[in-house]
Amino acid sequence: MKKKWIGLVEVEPLPGSDILEGALGAFVQVVALSNRKSDFLRSIDLIMREYGLSVIEVTDVELISERLKSRFIAQDLMALADTLSDSSPILLDEIHTYLDY
């Protein structure tokens, strides 16, 4: 059975992509249904490429059930995770861009 995962993803635009409107990069929380951590990471890479983004790093990856044992998850992010389904197995929270390092 697939479980709910969460992770913080740093991305940069692929060459020719203007999705970040000139920003050098961005951070976004991602939630997904997945059997294993490796599947979760693979699904992140695939969806980011669909959006014209390249993954720089994925941090704070864990099962949502584990995170809730020790840390707070914002209500809007939990609401997003609650809408995960087989037809929408991966969802992105709000993208936060940055202009320089």
C-alpha atoms as a PDB file:
ATOM      1  CA  MET A   1       0.000   0.000   0.000  1.00  0.00           C
ATOM      2  CA  LYS A   2       1.301   3.428  -0.928  1.00  0.00           C
ATOM      3  CA  LYS A   3       2.067   5.860   1.870  1.00  0.00           C
ATOM      4  CA  LYS A   4       2.197   9.636   2.002  1.00  0.00           C
ATOM      5  CA  TRP A   5       5.671  11.162   1.724  1.00  0.00           C
ATOM      6  CA  ILE A   6       6.889  14.735   2.086  1.00  0.00           C
ATOM      7  CA  GLY A   7      10.070  16.523   1.072  1.00  0.00           C
ATOM      8  CA  LEU A   8      11.536  19.947   0.418  1.00  0.00           C
ATOM      9  CA  VAL A   9      12.811  20.330  -3.141  1.00  0.00           C
ATOM     10  CA  GLU A  10      15.217  22.922  -4.494  1.00  0.00           C
ATOM     11  CA  VAL A  11      14.970  23.412  -8.240  1.00  0.00           C
ATOM     12  CA  GLU A  12      16.399  25.519 -11.028  1.00  0.00           C
ATOM     13  CA  PRO A  13      14.962  26.131 -14.483  1.00  0.00           C
ATOM     14  CA  LEU A  14      16.062  23.892 -17.322  1.00  0.00           C
ATOM     15  CA  PRO A  15      17.682  25.739 -20.258  1.00  0.00           C
ATOM     16  CA  GLY A  16      14.993  27.564 -22.203  1.00  0.00           C
ATOM     17  CA  SER A  17      12.408  27.349 -19.421  1.00  0.00           C
ATOM     18  CA  ASP A  18      10.869  30.570 -18.125  1.00  0.00           C
ATOM     19  CA  ILE A  19       8.595  28.988 -15.515  1.00  0.00           C
ATOM     20  CA  LEU A  20      10.441  30.782 -12.691  1.00  0.00           C
ATOM     21  CA  GLU A  21      10.181  34.106 -14.535  1.00  0.00           C
ATOM     22  CA  GLY A  22      13.896  34.902 -14.357  1.00  0.00           C
ATOM     23  CA  ALA A  23      14.569  33.595 -10.851  1.00  0.00           C
ATOM     24  CA  LEU A  24      17.700  31.481 -10.418  1.00  0.00           C
ATOM     25  CA  GLY A  25      15.908  28.824  -8.425  1.00  0.00           C
ATOM     26  CA  ALA A  26      13.122  27.942  -6.058  1.00  0.00           C
ATOM     27  CA  PHE A  27      12.051  25.815  -3.131  1.00  0.00           C
ATOM     28  CA  VAL A  28       8.824  23.851  -2.977  1.00  0.00           C
ATOM     29  CA  GLN A  29       7.324  21.324  -0.583  1.00  0.00           C
ATOM     30  CA  VAL A  30       6.169  18.170  -2.361  1.00  0.00           C
ATOM     31  CA  VAL A  31       3.775  15.516  -1.098  1.00  0.00           C
ATOM     32  CA  ALA A  32       3.198  12.219  -2.848  1.00  0.00           C
ATOM     33  CA  LEU A  33       1.877   8.693  -2.580  1.00  0.00           C
ATOM     34  CA  SER A  34       4.684   6.211  -2.941  1.00  0.00           C
ATOM     35  CA  ASN A  35       5.751   2.737  -1.873  1.00  0.00           C
ATOM     36  CA  ARG A  36       9.379   3.646  -1.146  1.00  0.00           C
ATOM     37  CA  LYS A  37      11.597   6.662  -0.679  1.00  0.00           C
ATOM     38  CA  SER A  38      13.368   5.875  -3.967  1.00  0.00           C
ATOM     39  CA  ASP A  39      10.028   5.920  -5.827  1.00  0.00           C
ATOM     40  CA  PHE A  40       9.150   9.239  -4.191  1.00  0.00           C
ATOM     41  CA  LEU A  41      12.448  10.773  -5.323  1.00  0.00           C
ATOM     42  CA  ARG A  42      11.994   9.438  -8.854  1.00  0.00           C
ATOM     43  CA  SER A  43       8.465  10.886  -9.070  1.00  0.00           C
ATOM     44  CA  ILE A  44       9.787  14.291  -7.942  1.00  0.00           C
ATOM     45  CA  ASP A  45      12.393  14.286 -10.695  1.00  0.00           C
ATOM     46  CA  LEU A  46       9.807  13.342 -13.321  1.00  0.00           C
ATOM     47  CA  ILE A  47       7.242  15.991 -12.373  1.00  0.00           C
ATOM     48  CA  MET A  48       9.855  18.726 -12.103  1.00  0.00           C
ATOM     49  CA  ARG A  49      11.107  17.928 -15.604  1.00  0.00           C
ATOM     50  CA  GLU A  50       7.509  18.187 -16.855  1.00  0.00           C
ATOM     51  CA  TYR A  51       7.447  21.712 -15.425  1.00  0.00           C
ATOM     52  CA  GLY A  52      10.779  22.610 -17.042  1.00  0.00           C
ATOM     53  CA  LEU A  53      12.735  22.381 -13.798  1.00  0.00           C
ATOM     54  CA  SER A  54      15.823  20.493 -12.718  1.00  0.00           C
ATOM     55  CA  VAL A  55      16.123  19.152  -9.171  1.00  0.00           C
ATOM     56  CA  ILE A  56      19.147  20.495  -7.299  1.00  0.00           C
ATOM     57  CA  GLU A  57      18.452  18.807  -3.973  1.00  0.00           C
ATOM     58  CA  VAL A  58      15.703  17.072  -2.028  1.00  0.00           C
ATOM     59  CA  THR A  59      15.861  17.357   1.764  1.00  0.00           C
ATOM     60  CA  ASP A  60      13.710  16.490   4.765  1.00  0.00           C
ATOM     61  CA  VAL A  61      12.290  13.412   3.037  1.00  0.00           C
ATOM     62  CA  GLU A  62      10.157  11.262   5.272  1.00  0.00           C
ATOM     63  CA  LEU A  63       6.765   9.687   5.689  1.00  0.00           C
ATOM     64  CA  ILE A  64       4.178  12.242   6.726  1.00  0.00           C
ATOM     65  CA  SER A  65       3.160   9.938   9.570  1.00  0.00           C
ATOM     66  CA  GLU A  66       6.735  10.035  10.910  1.00  0.00           C
ATOM     67  CA  ARG A  67       7.074  13.797  10.554  1.00  0.00           C
ATOM     68  CA  LEU A  68       3.891  14.352  12.529  1.00  0.00           C
ATOM     69  CA  LYS A  69       5.410  12.509  15.490  1.00  0.00           C
ATOM     70  CA  SER A  70       8.060  15.171  16.030  1.00  0.00           C
ATOM     71  CA  ARG A  71       7.305  18.228  13.912  1.00  0.00           C
ATOM     72  CA  PHE A  72       4.483  20.480  12.841  1.00  0.00           C
ATOM     73  CA  ILE A  73       3.156  20.405   9.272  1.00  0.00           C
ATOM     74  CA  ALA A  74       1.296  23.502   8.131  1.00  0.00           C
ATOM     75  CA  GLN A  75      -2.448  23.068   7.809  1.00  0.00           C
ATOM     76  CA  ASP A  76      -2.497  23.970   4.098  1.00  0.00           C
ATOM     77  CA  LEU A  77       0.210  21.402   3.368  1.00  0.00           C
ATOM     78  CA  MET A  78      -1.691  18.735   5.309  1.00  0.00           C
ATOM     79  CA  ALA A  79      -4.838  19.645   3.377  1.00  0.00           C
ATOM     80  CA  LEU A  80      -2.874  19.191   0.148  1.00  0.00           C
ATOM     81  CA  ALA A  81      -1.614  15.795   1.325  1.00  0.00           C
ATOM     82  CA  ASP A  82      -5.166  14.769   2.158  1.00  0.00           C
ATOM     83  CA  THR A  83      -6.148  15.225  -1.502  1.00  0.00           C
ATOM     84  CA  LEU A  84      -3.527  12.771  -2.806  1.00  0.00           C
ATOM     85  CA  SER A  85      -5.052   9.933  -4.797  1.00  0.00           C
ATOM     86  CA  ASP A  86      -4.170   7.422  -7.496  1.00  0.00           C
ATOM     87  CA  SER A  87      -5.202  10.003 -10.087  1.00  0.00           C
ATOM     88  CA  SER A  88      -3.195  12.776  -8.330  1.00  0.00           C
ATOM     89  CA  PRO A  89      -0.308  10.909  -6.672  1.00  0.00           C
ATOM     90  CA  ILE A  90       2.065  13.887  -6.395  1.00  0.00           C
ATOM     91  CA  LEU A  91       1.282  17.502  -5.560  1.00  0.00           C
ATOM     92  CA  LEU A  92       3.363  20.640  -5.153  1.00  0.00           C
ATOM     93  CA  ASP A  93       2.808  23.335  -2.575  1.00  0.00           C
ATOM     94  CA  GLU A  94       3.480  27.004  -3.331  1.00  0.00           C
ATOM     95  CA  ILE A  95       6.782  27.630  -5.132  1.00  0.00           C
ATOM     96  CA  HIS A  96       9.115  30.116  -3.427  1.00  0.00           C
ATOM     97  CA  THR A  97      11.669  31.592  -5.838  1.00  0.00           C
ATOM     98  CA  TYR A  98      14.995  33.265  -5.155  1.00  0.00           C
ATOM     99  CA  LEU A  99      16.909  35.675  -7.373  1.00  0.00           C
ATOM    100  CA  ASP A 100      20.481  35.080  -6.192  1.00  0.00           C
ATOM    101  CA  TYR A 101      22.525  32.847  -3.934  1.00  0.00           C
END
